[in-house]
Amino acid sequence: MKFGTESKADALSSTFGEEAARRTSRSNTKVRPWIWSILAAIGIFGGISALFVGLVFVILHGLLSADIIFNKVGTGLLIVAIPMILLGAICVDEVEGKE
């Protein structure tokens, strides 16, 4: 009876060991720094340009009385700009390797 319990425990520990090895090998895969730098540039500069273009569209909507498109697109660009800048900042941290 003791022999059967040990074999089950050994089988379980080997299963957990294989699972841990598989997880660590998957977590060691890293994205190359140049990909992070491209994503950072898109995020930061895209967010800043979305702010300016959104502001121009909202001003155009204020000048044109019967306009619908500039209002919707301008508001969307102003809302999307902040998350883009934040994601770009996260990508900059990943380029430098900060944790």
C-alpha atoms as a PDB file:
ATOM      1  CA  MET A   1       0.000   0.000   0.000  1.00  0.00           C
ATOM      2  CA  LYS A   2       2.831   2.353   0.803  1.00  0.00           C
ATOM      3  CA  PHE A   3       4.421   1.533  -2.561  1.00  0.00           C
ATOM      4  CA  GLY A   4       1.292   2.630  -4.458  1.00  0.00           C
ATOM      5  CA  THR A   5       1.103   5.958  -2.646  1.00  0.00           C
ATOM      6  CA  GLU A   6       4.711   6.793  -3.411  1.00  0.00           C
ATOM      7  CA  SER A   7       4.267   6.092  -7.089  1.00  0.00           C
ATOM      8  CA  LYS A   8       1.237   8.375  -7.254  1.00  0.00           C
ATOM      9  CA  ALA A   9       3.140  11.124  -5.446  1.00  0.00           C
ATOM     10  CA  ASP A  10       6.085  10.713  -7.797  1.00  0.00           C
ATOM     11  CA  ALA A  11       3.801  10.880 -10.815  1.00  0.00           C
ATOM     12  CA  LEU A  12       2.142  14.000  -9.449  1.00  0.00           C
ATOM     13  CA  SER A  13       5.440  15.757  -8.693  1.00  0.00           C
ATOM     14  CA  SER A  14       6.778  14.960 -12.154  1.00  0.00           C
ATOM     15  CA  THR A  15       3.591  16.355 -13.686  1.00  0.00           C
ATOM     16  CA  PHE A  16       3.938  19.553 -11.681  1.00  0.00           C
ATOM     17  CA  GLY A  17       7.617  19.760 -12.593  1.00  0.00           C
ATOM     18  CA  GLU A  18       6.844  19.463 -16.292  1.00  0.00           C
ATOM     19  CA  GLU A  19       4.147  22.132 -15.977  1.00  0.00           C
ATOM     20  CA  ALA A  20       6.532  24.514 -14.199  1.00  0.00           C
ATOM     21  CA  ALA A  21       9.222  23.940 -16.840  1.00  0.00           C
ATOM     22  CA  ARG A  22       6.724  24.618 -19.606  1.00  0.00           C
ATOM     23  CA  ARG A  23       5.596  27.859 -17.962  1.00  0.00           C
ATOM     24  CA  THR A  24       9.114  29.172 -17.422  1.00  0.00           C
ATOM     25  CA  SER A  25      10.089  28.420 -21.003  1.00  0.00           C
ATOM     26  CA  ARG A  26       7.050  30.319 -22.220  1.00  0.00           C
ATOM     27  CA  SER A  27       7.725  33.314 -19.929  1.00  0.00           C
ATOM     28  CA  ASN A  28      11.344  33.556 -21.092  1.00  0.00           C
ATOM     29  CA  THR A  29      10.318  34.454 -24.629  1.00  0.00           C
ATOM     30  CA  LYS A  30      10.895  38.164 -25.056  1.00  0.00           C
ATOM     31  CA  VAL A  31       9.951  40.628 -27.734  1.00  0.00           C
ATOM     32  CA  ARG A  32      12.881  42.255 -29.449  1.00  0.00           C
ATOM     33  CA  PRO A  33      13.706  45.839 -28.419  1.00  0.00           C
ATOM     34  CA  TRP A  34      13.179  47.292 -31.884  1.00  0.00           C
ATOM     35  CA  ILE A  35       9.564  46.076 -31.866  1.00  0.00           C
ATOM     36  CA  TRP A  36       9.000  47.817 -28.519  1.00  0.00           C
ATOM     37  CA  SER A  37      10.553  51.012 -29.895  1.00  0.00           C
ATOM     38  CA  ILE A  38       8.263  50.968 -32.927  1.00  0.00           C
ATOM     39  CA  LEU A  39       5.222  50.427 -30.703  1.00  0.00           C
ATOM     40  CA  ALA A  40       6.408  53.215 -28.390  1.00  0.00           C
ATOM     41  CA  ALA A  41       6.787  55.630 -31.292  1.00  0.00           C
ATOM     42  CA  ILE A  42       3.338  54.776 -32.629  1.00  0.00           C
ATOM     43  CA  GLY A  43       1.810  55.149 -29.180  1.00  0.00           C
ATOM     44  CA  ILE A  44       3.419  58.405 -28.117  1.00  0.00           C
ATOM     45  CA  PHE A  45       3.550  60.291 -31.412  1.00  0.00           C
ATOM     46  CA  GLY A  46       0.234  58.877 -32.553  1.00  0.00           C
ATOM     47  CA  GLY A  47      -1.383  59.959 -29.288  1.00  0.00           C
ATOM     48  CA  ILE A  48       0.032  63.470 -29.488  1.00  0.00           C
ATOM     49  CA  SER A  49      -0.997  63.859 -33.124  1.00  0.00           C
ATOM     50  CA  ALA A  50      -4.460  62.494 -32.298  1.00  0.00           C
ATOM     51  CA  LEU A  51      -4.783  65.232 -29.660  1.00  0.00           C
ATOM     52  CA  PHE A  52      -3.939  67.980 -32.140  1.00  0.00           C
ATOM     53  CA  VAL A  53      -6.082  66.619 -34.973  1.00  0.00           C
ATOM     54  CA  GLY A  54      -8.978  66.004 -32.570  1.00  0.00           C
ATOM     55  CA  LEU A  55      -8.721  69.566 -31.294  1.00  0.00           C
ATOM     56  CA  VAL A  56      -8.757  70.916 -34.853  1.00  0.00           C
ATOM     57  CA  PHE A  57     -11.811  68.792 -35.689  1.00  0.00           C
ATOM     58  CA  VAL A  58     -13.683  70.002 -32.605  1.00  0.00           C
ATOM     59  CA  ILE A  59     -12.876  73.620 -33.495  1.00  0.00           C
ATOM     60  CA  LEU A  60     -14.091  73.007 -37.067  1.00  0.00           C
ATOM     61  CA  HIS A  61     -17.290  71.542 -35.659  1.00  0.00           C
ATOM     62  CA  GLY A  62     -17.783  74.700 -33.622  1.00  0.00           C
ATOM     63  CA  LEU A  63     -17.359  76.864 -36.729  1.00  0.00           C
ATOM     64  CA  LEU A  64     -19.598  74.787 -38.999  1.00  0.00           C
ATOM     65  CA  SER A  65     -23.190  74.703 -37.784  1.00  0.00           C
ATOM     66  CA  ALA A  66     -24.551  71.713 -39.747  1.00  0.00           C
ATOM     67  CA  ASP A  67     -21.631  69.380 -39.203  1.00  0.00           C
ATOM     68  CA  ILE A  68     -21.872  65.900 -37.657  1.00  0.00           C
ATOM     69  CA  ILE A  69     -18.702  64.123 -38.786  1.00  0.00           C
ATOM     70  CA  PHE A  70     -16.110  66.504 -37.325  1.00  0.00           C
ATOM     71  CA  ASN A  71     -17.824  66.309 -33.939  1.00  0.00           C
ATOM     72  CA  LYS A  72     -17.797  62.498 -33.762  1.00  0.00           C
ATOM     73  CA  VAL A  73     -14.304  62.023 -35.177  1.00  0.00           C
ATOM     74  CA  GLY A  74     -12.824  64.831 -33.081  1.00  0.00           C
ATOM     75  CA  THR A  75     -14.330  63.480 -29.882  1.00  0.00           C
ATOM     76  CA  GLY A  76     -13.129  59.973 -30.715  1.00  0.00           C
ATOM     77  CA  LEU A  77      -9.601  61.193 -31.382  1.00  0.00           C
ATOM     78  CA  LEU A  78      -9.518  63.146 -28.116  1.00  0.00           C
ATOM     79  CA  ILE A  79     -10.679  60.078 -26.175  1.00  0.00           C
ATOM     80  CA  VAL A  80      -8.261  57.655 -27.883  1.00  0.00           C
ATOM     81  CA  ALA A  81      -5.219  59.929 -27.473  1.00  0.00           C
ATOM     82  CA  ILE A  82      -4.715  59.395 -23.723  1.00  0.00           C
ATOM     83  CA  PRO A  83      -4.634  55.565 -23.807  1.00  0.00           C
ATOM     84  CA  MET A  84      -2.309  55.693 -26.825  1.00  0.00           C
ATOM     85  CA  ILE A  85       0.165  57.881 -24.946  1.00  0.00           C
ATOM     86  CA  LEU A  86      -0.026  55.632 -21.882  1.00  0.00           C
ATOM     87  CA  LEU A  87       0.571  52.479 -23.938  1.00  0.00           C
ATOM     88  CA  GLY A  88       3.487  54.197 -25.678  1.00  0.00           C
ATOM     89  CA  ALA A  89       5.009  54.980 -22.283  1.00  0.00           C
ATOM     90  CA  ILE A  90       4.668  51.331 -21.258  1.00  0.00           C
ATOM     91  CA  CYS A  91       6.434  50.303 -24.459  1.00  0.00           C
ATOM     92  CA  VAL A  92       9.271  52.759 -23.715  1.00  0.00           C
ATOM     93  CA  ASP A  93       9.738  51.050 -20.349  1.00  0.00           C
ATOM     94  CA  GLU A  94       9.922  47.678 -22.089  1.00  0.00           C
ATOM     95  CA  VAL A  95      12.588  48.949 -24.528  1.00  0.00           C
ATOM     96  CA  GLU A  96      14.806  50.003 -21.644  1.00  0.00           C
ATOM     97  CA  GLY A  97      14.171  46.753 -19.789  1.00  0.00           C
ATOM     98  CA  LYS A  98      12.714  48.338 -16.663  1.00  0.00           C
ATOM     99  CA  GLU A  99      10.529  46.267 -14.347  1.00  0.00           C
END
